């Protein structure tokens, strides 16, 4: 028979007693949430759990400093919060990310677990909250409606710091490839058709600059998310909390986390409106779009080895087929692209959630939390793996790049300023009829020398913007 204990923290509306698994530290309200919303395979993200513990710690410390809670209780609660921040007890936070109540079930999950663990330290029986109570003590002067969104902002800020590091490393890897490939001249492409030449380094410089803009966006997005509504309680009026507590609790949280947090000037606005999350998500979506584009380009440039472009080699990280020997797939770019697509989808949900709040509260904040935390985790992981398992190991097929360039009719474009568009088109057509490369046709018909062609297609010329009159003398 399954062992249980009886949790008795609430004695109203006939929701006082629930049978709780004996090895669990949560209580009856968490059990009711599990019954109402089911046990989801989707769990709370680690960073969100740590952030929630930071907020609970800040609240209890503020209450202790101001004399609203005795020091012994406060020390016990703080000790538990520190353990959660350090990574302990995370398997106790079991409520589904998909829940009604705007996060109340999550808040109660934390209140019960922290209270039970703190009572255990004091030698109290599990489920008996006569000493440290989930609501009277752990949740003192708080509402889900200020604790939950504040915890989400703290979690995002903590994650953004990690993501900024990952993006920086990715940008540096792309810059290194830009330098490594600066002398590899190749065919450019527009609409997947041959276009005028550039260097492979130039292509990677474009990737690097795009990621540099994302790095700046991520840095700036922290400014959009630093204003919190902690102390505003249910709807931002602070009803039920002492004025001294309201003005101090954010300062305490700022010191605990080391984050640049600020109390909202208008706590009603900060409670009911979640557009700051949509703004941050939009910046994450922009990064995802750039990641997708770069990943897809690398798939194209490495396609082959015989039937594709084959201008670069990606690192071989795993077998690509159970039936085709030696086949290797671009699995890292594919992983990055899929992660990026999920982030774009998450942004669409976050945008809708932002718009669907009603009056003084957004009831769908748990869904927004799940989506934005998933986006942050996916982008952080994708950035790291993209660099370590792909970008760092890319090599260039210089001879393939050279052959494709010299065999392409597009190199005749350089003659347009001298001979005119129509004449060059005629040259390209005749070369095709004779089954000659453009360079062969030009030299054979003494239109331009082989040396001049090599000079025109040199890396030095690629990095010069435009041409001078002297360079038009062939």
Protein backbone atom coordinates (compact mmCIF):
# COMPACT_ATOMS: atom_id res chain seq x y z
CA UNK A 1 0.00 0.00 0.00
CA UNK A 2 1.26 3.49 -0.90
CA UNK A 3 2.49 5.42 2.14
CA UNK A 4 1.01 8.89 2.67
CA UNK A 5 0.84 11.63 5.23
CA UNK A 6 -1.94 14.12 5.91
CA UNK A 7 -1.24 17.77 5.18
CA UNK A 8 -3.45 20.28 7.02
CA UNK A 9 -2.33 23.75 6.08
CA UNK A 10 -5.70 25.18 4.95
CA UNK A 11 -8.96 24.64 6.77
CA UNK A 12 -11.52 26.36 4.56
CA UNK A 13 -13.86 25.27 1.75
CA UNK A 14 -13.33 21.60 2.72
CA UNK A 15 -9.89 21.67 1.20
CA UNK A 16 -8.00 21.17 4.43
CA UNK A 17 -6.81 17.56 4.37
CA UNK A 18 -5.19 15.70 1.50
CA UNK A 19 -3.26 12.47 1.37
CA UNK A 20 0.28 13.35 0.26
CA UNK A 21 2.98 10.82 -0.78
CA UNK A 22 5.05 10.03 2.33
CA UNK A 23 8.37 10.85 0.68
CA UNK A 24 7.22 14.26 -0.60
CA UNK A 25 7.81 17.64 1.01
CA UNK A 26 4.91 19.39 -0.69
CA UNK A 27 1.40 19.48 0.77
CA UNK A 28 -2.31 19.33 0.08
CA UNK A 29 -2.61 22.31 -2.24
CA UNK A 30 0.13 20.96 -4.47
CA UNK A 31 -1.70 17.63 -4.54
CA UNK A 32 -4.90 19.39 -5.57
CA UNK A 33 -3.02 21.08 -8.40
CA UNK A 34 -1.67 17.71 -9.54
CA UNK A 35 -5.22 16.36 -9.49
CA UNK A 36 -6.69 19.37 -11.30
CA UNK A 37 -4.01 19.86 -13.95
CA UNK A 38 -2.42 16.43 -14.19
CA UNK A 39 1.21 15.44 -13.92
CA UNK A 40 2.85 17.07 -16.93
CA UNK A 41 6.03 15.79 -18.60
CA UNK A 42 6.96 19.46 -18.76
CA UNK A 43 8.60 20.59 -15.54
CA UNK A 44 9.58 23.95 -14.10
CA UNK A 45 12.93 25.10 -15.45
CA UNK A 46 15.87 25.04 -13.03
CA UNK A 47 16.55 28.75 -13.39
CA UNK A 48 12.92 29.58 -12.58
CA UNK A 49 13.03 27.41 -9.44
CA UNK A 50 16.20 29.18 -8.28
CA UNK A 51 14.68 32.59 -9.04
CA UNK A 52 11.53 31.76 -7.05
CA UNK A 53 13.68 30.75 -4.09
CA UNK A 54 15.58 34.05 -4.34
CA UNK A 55 12.28 35.94 -4.17
CA UNK A 56 11.05 33.93 -1.18
CA UNK A 57 14.38 34.53 0.56
CA UNK A 58 14.17 38.27 -0.10
CA UNK A 59 10.65 38.41 1.32
CA UNK A 60 11.45 36.54 4.51
CA UNK A 61 14.65 38.50 5.05
CA UNK A 62 12.78 41.79 4.64
CA UNK A 63 10.09 40.68 7.07
CA UNK A 64 12.79 39.72 9.56
CA UNK A 65 14.74 42.96 9.18
CA UNK A 66 11.58 44.97 9.76
CA UNK A 67 10.53 42.92 12.80
CA UNK A 68 7.51 41.17 11.27
CA UNK A 69 9.00 37.68 11.71
CA UNK A 70 11.16 36.31 14.52
CA UNK A 71 14.78 35.61 13.62
CA UNK A 72 14.66 31.88 14.33
CA UNK A 73 11.86 31.27 11.83
CA UNK A 74 13.44 33.56 9.28
CA UNK A 75 16.79 31.78 9.54
CA UNK A 76 15.18 28.40 8.98
CA UNK A 77 13.24 29.60 5.92
CA UNK A 78 16.30 31.34 4.51
CA UNK A 79 18.39 28.20 4.98
CA UNK A 80 15.92 26.23 2.87
CA UNK A 81 15.84 28.92 0.18
CA UNK A 82 19.63 28.83 -0.03
CA UNK A 83 19.53 25.05 -0.49
CA UNK A 84 17.04 25.42 -3.34
CA UNK A 85 19.18 28.11 -4.97
CA UNK A 86 22.14 25.72 -4.70
CA UNK A 87 20.20 23.09 -6.64
CA UNK A 88 18.68 20.97 -3.87
CA UNK A 89 15.03 19.81 -3.55
CA UNK A 90 14.15 20.69 -7.17
CA UNK A 91 12.27 17.42 -7.65
CA UNK A 92 9.72 18.68 -5.10
CA UNK A 93 8.42 21.33 -7.50
CA UNK A 94 5.98 19.18 -9.39
CA UNK A 95 3.13 21.45 -10.49
CA UNK A 96 2.51 21.50 -14.23
CA UNK A 97 3.57 24.65 -16.14
CA UNK A 98 0.08 24.51 -17.66
CA UNK A 99 -2.24 25.55 -14.86
CA UNK A 100 -5.11 27.82 -14.00
CA UNK A 101 -4.86 30.49 -11.33
CA UNK A 102 -2.12 32.71 -12.77
CA UNK A 103 0.59 30.76 -10.93
CA UNK A 104 -1.08 30.29 -7.54
CA UNK A 105 -0.43 26.54 -7.61
CA UNK A 106 3.26 27.13 -8.25
CA UNK A 107 3.44 29.61 -5.40
CA UNK A 108 1.70 27.16 -3.05
CA UNK A 109 4.06 24.39 -4.17
CA UNK A 110 6.97 26.59 -3.04
CA UNK A 111 5.22 27.69 0.16
CA UNK A 112 4.50 24.09 1.21
CA UNK A 113 7.91 22.69 0.34
CA UNK A 114 9.80 25.53 2.04
CA UNK A 115 7.57 25.31 5.13
CA UNK A 116 7.93 21.53 5.44
CA UNK A 117 11.71 21.63 4.97
CA UNK A 118 12.06 24.51 7.46
CA UNK A 119 9.88 22.70 10.01
CA UNK A 120 11.95 19.56 9.55
CA UNK A 121 15.06 21.55 10.47
CA UNK A 122 13.21 22.64 13.62
CA UNK A 123 12.28 19.03 14.47
CA UNK A 124 8.60 19.45 13.57
CA UNK A 125 6.44 16.73 12.00
CA UNK A 126 5.85 16.79 8.25
CA UNK A 127 2.51 18.31 7.29
CA UNK A 128 1.95 19.96 10.69
CA UNK A 129 2.36 23.67 10.11
CA UNK A 130 1.76 24.96 13.62
CA UNK A 131 5.31 26.40 13.79
CA UNK A 132 6.22 27.58 10.29
CA UNK A 133 3.13 27.97 8.12
CA UNK A 134 3.13 28.05 4.29
CA UNK A 135 0.89 31.13 4.11
CA UNK A 136 1.36 32.95 7.41
CA UNK A 137 5.15 32.72 7.32
CA UNK A 138 6.62 31.66 3.96
CA UNK A 139 4.07 33.77 2.06
CA UNK A 140 3.94 36.67 4.54
CA UNK A 141 3.03 40.01 2.87
CA UNK A 142 2.99 38.38 -0.56
CA UNK A 143 0.58 37.49 -3.31
CA UNK A 144 1.15 35.11 -6.18
CA UNK A 145 0.50 38.12 -8.39
CA UNK A 146 3.66 39.93 -7.29
CA UNK A 147 5.88 36.96 -6.37
CA UNK A 148 5.34 34.95 -9.54
CA UNK A 149 6.07 37.65 -12.18
CA UNK A 150 9.00 38.92 -10.12
CA UNK A 151 10.44 35.40 -10.02
CA UNK A 152 10.05 35.13 -13.78
CA UNK A 153 11.90 38.40 -14.33
CA UNK A 154 14.71 37.30 -12.04
CA UNK A 155 14.95 33.99 -13.90
CA UNK A 156 15.07 35.74 -17.27
CA UNK A 157 17.75 38.17 -16.09
CA UNK A 158 19.86 35.31 -14.75
CA UNK A 159 19.46 33.43 -18.03
CA UNK A 160 20.20 36.48 -20.15
CA UNK A 161 23.57 36.78 -18.44
CA UNK A 162 24.35 33.20 -19.47
CA UNK A 163 23.00 33.72 -22.98
CA UNK A 164 25.07 36.85 -23.47
CA UNK A 165 28.22 34.83 -22.71
CA UNK A 166 27.18 32.10 -25.15
CA UNK A 167 26.46 34.62 -27.89
CA UNK A 168 29.82 36.31 -27.30
CA UNK A 169 31.65 33.00 -27.73
CA UNK A 170 29.66 32.24 -30.88
CA UNK A 171 30.47 35.66 -32.35
CA UNK A 172 34.16 35.15 -31.59
CA UNK A 173 34.14 31.79 -33.36
CA UNK A 174 32.58 33.33 -36.46
CA UNK A 175 35.14 36.15 -36.40
CA UNK A 176 37.94 33.59 -36.26
CA UNK A 177 36.54 31.86 -39.37
CA UNK A 178 36.26 35.27 -41.04
CA UNK A 179 40.01 35.72 -40.58
CA UNK A 180 40.81 32.13 -41.53
CA UNK A 181 38.85 32.29 -44.80
CA UNK A 182 39.68 35.87 -45.85
CA UNK A 183 41.67 34.73 -48.91
CA UNK A 184 39.26 32.05 -50.14
CA UNK A 185 37.53 33.61 -53.18
CA UNK A 186 34.28 31.96 -54.21
CA UNK A 187 31.07 32.45 -56.12
CA UNK A 188 28.43 34.59 -54.47
CA UNK A 189 24.79 33.58 -54.84
CA UNK A 190 21.48 35.39 -54.93
CA UNK A 191 18.19 33.50 -55.20
CA UNK A 192 20.45 30.40 -55.08
CA UNK A 193 21.85 31.37 -58.51
CA UNK A 194 25.44 32.38 -59.26
CA UNK A 195 26.24 35.99 -58.44
CA UNK A 196 29.38 38.12 -58.33
CA UNK A 197 32.32 36.76 -56.31
CA UNK A 198 33.28 37.43 -52.73
CA UNK A 199 35.48 35.68 -50.19
CA UNK A 200 34.31 32.97 -47.83
CA UNK A 201 35.61 35.24 -45.07
CA UNK A 202 33.16 37.92 -46.20
CA UNK A 203 30.28 35.47 -45.83
CA UNK A 204 31.39 34.66 -42.29
CA UNK A 205 31.84 38.36 -41.53
CA UNK A 206 28.15 38.85 -42.31
CA UNK A 207 27.26 36.02 -39.92
CA UNK A 208 29.49 37.55 -37.25
CA UNK A 209 27.95 41.00 -37.59
CA UNK A 210 24.42 39.59 -37.39
CA UNK A 211 25.28 37.79 -34.15
CA UNK A 212 26.95 40.98 -32.86
CA UNK A 213 23.60 42.77 -33.24
CA UNK A 214 21.93 39.93 -31.33
CA UNK A 215 24.51 40.30 -28.59
CA UNK A 216 23.60 43.98 -28.31
CA UNK A 217 19.86 43.16 -28.30
CA UNK A 218 20.30 40.63 -25.50
CA UNK A 219 22.27 43.17 -23.49
CA UNK A 220 19.60 45.85 -24.00
CA UNK A 221 16.74 43.47 -23.26
CA UNK A 222 17.91 43.26 -19.64
CA UNK A 223 16.90 46.90 -19.28
CA UNK A 224 13.38 46.00 -20.42
CA UNK A 225 12.88 43.35 -17.78
CA UNK A 226 14.45 44.82 -14.62
CA UNK A 227 11.32 46.58 -13.26
CA UNK A 228 9.43 44.32 -10.81
CA UNK A 229 6.14 44.57 -8.95
CA UNK A 230 7.25 42.87 -5.73
CA UNK A 231 5.36 44.40 -2.82
CA UNK A 232 2.36 45.23 -4.96
CA UNK A 233 0.53 42.13 -3.64
CA UNK A 234 -2.69 41.18 -5.46
CA UNK A 235 -3.21 43.98 -8.00
CA UNK A 236 -0.42 46.48 -7.41
CA UNK A 237 -1.98 48.53 -4.61
CA UNK A 238 0.12 46.85 -1.93
CA UNK A 239 -3.01 45.97 0.05
CA UNK A 240 -2.11 43.56 2.87
CA UNK A 241 1.57 44.54 3.06
CA UNK A 242 3.25 47.16 5.28
CA UNK A 243 4.50 50.27 3.51
CA UNK A 244 8.01 49.77 4.95
CA UNK A 245 8.10 46.26 3.49
CA UNK A 246 6.95 47.43 0.04
CA UNK A 247 9.73 50.00 -0.20
CA UNK A 248 12.46 47.65 1.05
CA UNK A 249 11.84 44.20 -0.41
CA UNK A 250 13.10 44.93 -3.94
CA UNK A 251 16.29 46.42 -2.52
CA UNK A 252 16.89 43.20 -0.57
CA UNK A 253 16.21 41.08 -3.64
CA UNK A 254 18.64 43.22 -5.65
CA UNK A 255 21.40 42.60 -3.11
CA UNK A 256 20.73 38.85 -2.95
CA UNK A 257 20.75 38.29 -6.71
CA UNK A 258 23.28 40.92 -7.79
CA UNK A 259 20.82 41.95 -10.49
CA UNK A 260 19.95 45.53 -11.41
CA UNK A 261 16.33 45.32 -10.25
CA UNK A 262 14.04 48.28 -9.68
CA UNK A 263 10.62 48.60 -8.05
CA UNK A 264 7.98 49.72 -10.52
CA UNK A 265 6.80 53.30 -10.09
CA UNK A 266 3.29 52.20 -11.05
CA UNK A 267 2.78 48.80 -9.44
CA UNK A 268 -0.72 48.44 -10.88
CA UNK A 269 0.76 48.73 -14.38
CA UNK A 270 3.62 46.38 -13.46
CA UNK A 271 1.11 43.80 -12.20
CA UNK A 272 -1.44 43.79 -15.00
CA UNK A 273 0.75 44.37 -18.08
CA UNK A 274 3.36 41.86 -19.29
CA UNK A 275 4.48 43.56 -22.51
CA UNK A 276 8.10 43.63 -21.26
CA UNK A 277 8.14 39.84 -21.65
CA UNK A 278 6.85 40.14 -25.21
CA UNK A 279 9.58 42.66 -25.98
CA UNK A 280 12.31 40.36 -24.67
CA UNK A 281 10.78 37.44 -26.54
CA UNK A 282 10.87 39.51 -29.73
CA UNK A 283 14.60 40.05 -29.27
CA UNK A 284 15.06 36.33 -28.70
CA UNK A 285 13.07 35.68 -31.86
CA UNK A 286 15.39 37.97 -33.84
CA UNK A 287 18.37 35.97 -32.58
CA UNK A 288 16.59 32.74 -33.50
CA UNK A 289 15.95 34.06 -37.02
CA UNK A 290 19.65 34.83 -37.47
CA UNK A 291 20.66 31.43 -36.10
CA UNK A 292 18.26 29.72 -38.50
CA UNK A 293 19.60 31.64 -41.49
CA UNK A 294 23.24 30.91 -40.64
CA UNK A 295 22.55 27.23 -39.92
CA UNK A 296 20.71 26.85 -43.21
CA UNK A 297 23.52 28.58 -45.13
CA UNK A 298 26.06 26.18 -43.64
CA UNK A 299 23.91 23.24 -44.73
CA UNK A 300 23.88 24.58 -48.28
CA UNK A 301 27.59 25.43 -48.41
CA UNK A 302 28.53 21.98 -47.10
CA UNK A 303 26.03 20.03 -49.22
CA UNK A 304 27.39 17.11 -51.16
CA UNK A 305 29.99 15.76 -51.09
CA UNK A 306 29.53 15.24 -54.84
CA UNK A 307 26.01 16.39 -55.62
CA UNK A 308 26.01 19.73 -53.78
CA UNK A 309 28.02 22.88 -53.34
CA UNK A 310 30.73 21.32 -51.18
CA UNK A 311 32.53 24.62 -50.54
CA UNK A 312 33.03 23.97 -46.82
CA UNK A 313 33.36 20.90 -44.61
CA UNK A 314 31.43 20.60 -41.37
CA UNK A 315 32.83 18.51 -38.52
CA UNK A 316 31.70 14.91 -38.63
CA UNK A 317 29.96 14.38 -35.32
CA UNK A 318 27.89 11.22 -35.87
CA UNK A 319 26.85 8.66 -38.46
CA UNK A 320 24.18 9.91 -40.82
CA UNK A 321 22.47 6.77 -41.99
CA UNK A 322 21.71 3.22 -40.92
CA UNK A 323 21.73 2.03 -44.53
CA UNK A 324 24.12 4.33 -46.45
CA UNK A 325 27.73 3.75 -45.30
CA UNK A 326 29.93 6.86 -44.76
CA UNK A 327 26.94 9.23 -45.00
CA UNK A 328 27.26 12.16 -42.58
CA UNK A 329 24.48 14.68 -42.03
CA UNK A 330 24.69 18.33 -40.93
CA UNK A 331 23.02 17.44 -37.63
CA UNK A 332 24.25 20.43 -35.63
CA UNK A 333 22.88 23.04 -38.07
CA UNK A 334 19.66 21.02 -38.17
CA UNK A 335 19.47 21.01 -34.37
CA UNK A 336 20.12 24.75 -34.27
CA UNK A 337 17.49 25.40 -36.95
CA UNK A 338 14.86 23.34 -35.12
CA UNK A 339 15.62 25.11 -31.86
CA UNK A 340 15.24 28.44 -33.66
CA UNK A 341 11.88 27.41 -35.12
CA UNK A 342 10.61 26.48 -31.66
CA UNK A 343 11.67 29.88 -30.31
CA UNK A 344 9.79 31.60 -33.14
CA UNK A 345 6.70 29.54 -32.29
CA UNK A 346 7.10 30.36 -28.60
CA UNK A 347 7.19 34.05 -29.45
CA UNK A 348 3.83 33.77 -31.21
CA UNK A 349 2.32 32.24 -28.04
CA UNK A 350 3.96 34.86 -25.80
CA UNK A 351 2.57 37.65 -27.97
CA UNK A 352 -0.95 36.24 -27.68
CA UNK A 353 -0.64 35.73 -23.92
CA UNK A 354 0.47 39.34 -23.54
CA UNK A 355 -2.67 40.52 -25.32
CA UNK A 356 -5.04 38.15 -23.49
CA UNK A 357 -4.63 39.52 -19.97
CA UNK A 358 -7.82 40.89 -18.43
CA UNK A 359 -8.08 44.04 -16.34
CA UNK A 360 -5.75 43.82 -13.30
CA UNK A 361 -3.98 40.53 -14.07
CA UNK A 362 -2.76 38.27 -16.84
CA UNK A 363 -4.19 34.86 -16.02
CA UNK A 364 -2.05 33.03 -18.60
CA UNK A 365 1.33 33.99 -17.14
CA UNK A 366 2.31 30.33 -16.43
CA UNK A 367 2.08 29.57 -20.15
CA UNK A 368 4.20 32.62 -20.95
CA UNK A 369 6.71 31.46 -18.32
CA UNK A 370 7.06 28.01 -19.84
CA UNK A 371 7.52 29.38 -23.35
CA UNK A 372 10.03 32.11 -22.58
CA UNK A 373 12.10 29.86 -20.32
CA UNK A 374 12.16 27.21 -23.03
CA UNK A 375 13.28 29.81 -25.56
CA UNK A 376 16.13 30.95 -23.32
CA UNK A 377 17.29 27.41 -22.63
CA UNK A 378 17.11 26.37 -26.30
CA UNK A 379 19.00 29.44 -27.50
CA UNK A 380 21.68 29.08 -24.85
CA UNK A 381 22.24 25.40 -25.64
CA UNK A 382 22.07 25.97 -29.40
CA UNK A 383 24.62 28.80 -29.21
CA UNK A 384 27.10 26.68 -27.27
CA UNK A 385 26.70 23.56 -29.42
CA UNK A 386 26.80 25.56 -32.64
CA UNK A 387 30.23 26.86 -31.72
CA UNK A 388 31.79 23.80 -30.09
CA UNK A 389 30.35 21.10 -32.38
CA UNK A 390 30.20 22.99 -35.67
CA UNK A 391 31.71 26.46 -36.22
CA UNK A 392 35.08 25.75 -34.59
CA UNK A 393 35.70 22.76 -36.86
CA UNK A 394 34.62 24.16 -40.24
CA UNK A 395 37.23 23.97 -43.01
CA UNK A 396 37.17 25.40 -46.54
CA UNK A 397 37.41 23.45 -49.81
CA UNK A 398 39.47 26.12 -51.55
CA UNK A 399 39.89 24.24 -54.83
CA UNK A 400 36.15 23.58 -55.09
CA UNK A 401 35.49 27.30 -54.50
CA UNK A 402 38.04 28.25 -57.18
CA UNK A 403 36.72 25.85 -59.81
CA UNK A 404 33.12 26.87 -59.33
CA UNK A 405 34.09 30.52 -59.58
CA UNK A 406 36.20 30.18 -62.74
CA UNK A 407 33.55 28.04 -64.42
CA UNK A 408 30.76 30.48 -63.62
CA UNK A 409 29.59 32.90 -66.34
CA UNK A 410 29.04 35.50 -63.65
CA UNK A 411 32.70 36.56 -63.61
CA UNK A 412 32.05 38.34 -66.90
CA UNK A 413 30.08 40.88 -64.85
CA UNK A 414 33.35 42.69 -64.17
CA UNK A 415 33.46 43.66 -67.86
CA UNK A 416 30.06 45.38 -67.85
CA UNK A 417 31.46 48.87 -67.03
CA UNK A 418 33.81 48.63 -70.06
CA UNK A 419 31.91 46.61 -72.67
CA UNK A 420 28.32 47.18 -71.64
CA UNK A 421 25.62 44.76 -70.49
CA UNK A 422 24.62 43.56 -73.98
CA UNK A 423 28.16 42.77 -75.11
CA UNK A 424 28.90 40.83 -71.94
CA UNK A 425 25.66 38.89 -72.34
CA UNK A 426 26.81 38.01 -75.86
CA UNK A 427 30.19 36.80 -74.50
CA UNK A 428 28.49 34.59 -71.95
CA UNK A 429 26.17 33.14 -74.61
CA UNK A 430 29.02 32.37 -77.02
CA UNK A 431 31.12 30.80 -74.32
CA UNK A 432 28.20 28.56 -73.47
CA UNK A 433 27.76 27.50 -77.09
CA UNK A 434 31.44 26.61 -77.30
CA UNK A 435 31.30 24.78 -73.97
CA UNK A 436 34.03 27.02 -72.64
CA UNK A 437 34.42 28.65 -69.28
CA UNK A 438 34.23 32.42 -69.31
CA UNK A 439 37.90 32.74 -68.40
CA UNK A 440 38.86 30.45 -71.33
CA UNK A 441 36.71 32.37 -73.77
CA UNK A 442 38.03 35.75 -72.63
CA UNK A 443 41.69 34.75 -72.91
CA UNK A 444 41.28 32.81 -76.18
CA UNK A 445 39.59 35.75 -77.83
CA UNK A 446 42.14 38.15 -76.36
CA UNK A 447 39.47 40.16 -74.57
CA UNK A 448 41.38 40.00 -71.30
CA UNK A 449 44.53 38.21 -70.17
CA UNK A 450 44.68 35.34 -67.72
CA UNK A 451 46.82 37.48 -65.40
CA UNK A 452 44.24 40.24 -65.42
CA UNK A 453 41.46 37.76 -64.61
CA UNK A 454 43.43 36.48 -61.64
CA UNK A 455 44.04 40.06 -60.52
CA UNK A 456 40.34 40.89 -60.78
CA UNK A 457 39.41 37.80 -58.77
CA UNK A 458 42.07 38.26 -56.11
CA UNK A 459 41.02 38.56 -52.45
CA UNK A 460 42.41 42.10 -52.41
CA UNK A 461 39.93 43.19 -55.07
CA UNK A 462 37.07 41.58 -53.15
CA UNK A 463 37.70 43.81 -50.15
CA UNK A 464 37.85 47.03 -52.20
CA UNK A 465 34.55 48.81 -52.59
CA UNK A 466 33.91 49.47 -56.29
CA UNK A 467 36.55 50.15 -58.93
CA UNK A 468 38.73 53.03 -60.13
CA UNK A 469 39.09 54.25 -63.72
CA UNK A 470 42.60 52.75 -63.95
CA UNK A 471 41.22 49.33 -63.12
CA UNK A 472 38.98 49.42 -66.20
CA UNK A 473 41.96 49.27 -68.59
CA UNK A 474 42.20 45.65 -69.63
